[in-house]
Amino acid sequence: MGLFSKKNETQKNEPEKKTTAEKKPATEKTSDDSKKGHSNTSYFVSPHPDGGWQVKKANAKKALKRFDTKTEAEDYAKKVAKNQGTSVVRQKKDGKIQKKKRGGFPSVQQ
């Protein structure tokens, strides 16, 4: 019976190890950090290599959408940026940065 009591003692120790292994709050913080990073991502309006204009998320390989005109691309980028609470970066045809505005561009009153 001495062997059985030792097994019971090791079984009692196992739950203690499980409670120390439970670190779910750390993973929850990681998910919160990724949400914060998402809102800081800019959207770029830039020339598309095959012609026209594209809207891309920062560091993305593919465009979200492609347009014939820069104005159409800017309008789409403004909507997406406003929805995501982030900024739009416009580029000229030569790739230089034209303007960066948080939440899209200010409305132009005529």
Protein backbone atom coordinates (compact mmCIF):
# COMPACT_ATOMS: atom_id res chain seq x y z
CA MET A 1 0.00 0.00 0.00
CA GLY A 2 2.96 2.28 0.36
CA LEU A 3 3.26 2.42 -3.43
CA PHE A 4 -0.33 3.51 -3.82
CA SER A 5 0.08 6.34 -1.36
CA LYS A 6 3.11 7.61 -3.31
CA LYS A 7 1.05 7.63 -6.51
CA ASN A 8 -1.59 9.66 -4.75
CA GLU A 9 1.04 12.14 -3.59
CA THR A 10 2.35 12.63 -7.15
CA GLN A 11 -1.19 13.02 -8.41
CA LYS A 12 -1.74 15.73 -5.83
CA ASN A 13 1.33 17.58 -7.12
CA GLU A 14 0.22 17.49 -10.75
CA PRO A 15 -2.73 19.90 -10.33
CA GLU A 16 -0.36 22.43 -8.77
CA LYS A 17 1.78 22.33 -11.91
CA LYS A 18 -1.27 22.89 -14.09
CA THR A 19 -2.29 25.99 -12.17
CA THR A 20 1.18 27.51 -12.62
CA ALA A 21 1.05 26.65 -16.33
CA GLU A 22 -2.23 28.53 -16.76
CA LYS A 23 -1.17 31.94 -17.98
CA LYS A 24 -4.14 32.92 -20.10
CA PRO A 25 -4.06 36.62 -19.16
CA ALA A 26 -0.70 36.91 -20.99
CA THR A 27 -2.27 35.68 -24.23
CA GLU A 28 -5.18 38.06 -23.76
CA LYS A 29 -2.75 40.97 -23.55
CA THR A 30 -1.16 39.83 -26.79
CA SER A 31 -4.51 39.91 -28.57
CA ASP A 32 -5.14 43.43 -27.23
CA ASP A 33 -1.75 44.53 -28.53
CA SER A 34 -2.57 43.24 -32.01
CA LYS A 35 -5.81 45.24 -31.99
CA LYS A 36 -3.87 48.38 -31.14
CA GLY A 37 -1.41 47.73 -33.95
CA HIS A 38 -4.28 47.29 -36.39
CA SER A 39 -5.59 50.81 -35.82
CA ASN A 40 -2.16 52.34 -36.48
CA THR A 41 -1.83 50.83 -39.96
CA SER A 42 -1.89 53.36 -42.78
CA TYR A 43 -3.47 52.88 -46.17
CA PHE A 44 -1.48 53.95 -49.23
CA VAL A 45 -2.81 55.37 -52.48
CA SER A 46 -0.09 54.70 -55.03
CA PRO A 47 0.42 54.08 -58.74
CA HIS A 48 -0.26 50.46 -59.75
CA PRO A 49 2.57 48.80 -61.72
CA ASP A 50 0.15 47.80 -64.52
CA GLY A 51 -1.44 51.25 -64.73
CA GLY A 52 -4.09 53.04 -62.73
CA TRP A 53 -4.02 53.51 -58.96
CA GLN A 54 -4.15 51.13 -56.03
CA VAL A 55 -5.03 51.21 -52.35
CA LYS A 56 -2.74 49.09 -50.20
CA LYS A 57 -2.45 48.51 -46.48
CA ALA A 58 1.02 49.38 -45.15
CA ASN A 59 3.50 46.53 -45.72
CA ALA A 60 0.98 44.53 -47.77
CA LYS A 61 2.11 42.65 -50.86
CA LYS A 62 -1.24 42.92 -52.67
CA ALA A 63 -3.53 45.87 -53.25
CA LEU A 64 -6.90 45.99 -51.53
CA LYS A 65 -8.41 47.44 -54.69
CA ARG A 66 -7.31 48.93 -58.02
CA PHE A 67 -8.81 52.00 -59.72
CA ASP A 68 -8.58 53.82 -63.03
CA THR A 69 -8.23 57.26 -61.43
CA LYS A 70 -6.41 58.59 -58.40
CA THR A 71 -9.57 60.33 -57.19
CA GLU A 72 -11.48 57.04 -57.06
CA ALA A 73 -8.62 55.42 -55.14
CA GLU A 74 -8.48 58.32 -52.68
CA ASP A 75 -12.24 58.20 -52.05
CA TYR A 76 -12.07 54.48 -51.29
CA ALA A 77 -8.98 54.89 -49.08
CA LYS A 78 -10.71 57.67 -47.10
CA LYS A 79 -13.70 55.42 -46.37
CA VAL A 80 -11.51 52.52 -45.26
CA ALA A 81 -9.23 54.74 -43.14
CA LYS A 82 -12.17 56.45 -41.44
CA ASN A 83 -13.75 53.08 -40.68
CA GLN A 84 -10.46 51.72 -39.26
CA GLY A 85 -9.52 54.93 -37.43
CA THR A 86 -6.22 55.26 -39.25
CA SER A 87 -4.55 57.42 -41.89
CA VAL A 88 -4.18 57.66 -45.65
CA VAL A 89 -0.86 58.29 -47.35
CA ARG A 90 -1.04 59.59 -50.91
CA GLN A 91 1.81 59.13 -53.33
CA LYS A 92 2.58 60.94 -56.54
CA LYS A 93 3.23 59.09 -59.80
CA ASP A 94 6.95 59.17 -59.03
CA GLY A 95 6.30 57.45 -55.65
CA LYS A 96 7.05 60.46 -53.45
CA ILE A 97 4.70 61.06 -50.52
CA GLN A 98 2.13 63.74 -51.32
CA LYS A 99 0.07 63.98 -48.12
CA LYS A 100 -0.76 62.02 -45.00
CA LYS A 101 -3.95 62.67 -43.09
CA ARG A 102 -5.46 60.81 -40.15
CA GLY A 103 -8.95 59.44 -40.86
CA GLY A 104 -8.85 60.36 -44.51
CA PHE A 105 -8.71 63.87 -45.91
CA PRO A 106 -10.47 66.99 -44.72
CA SER A 107 -13.67 67.75 -46.60
CA VAL A 108 -13.26 70.54 -49.14
CA GLN A 109 -15.98 73.17 -48.95
CA GLN A 110 -16.58 75.23 -52.05
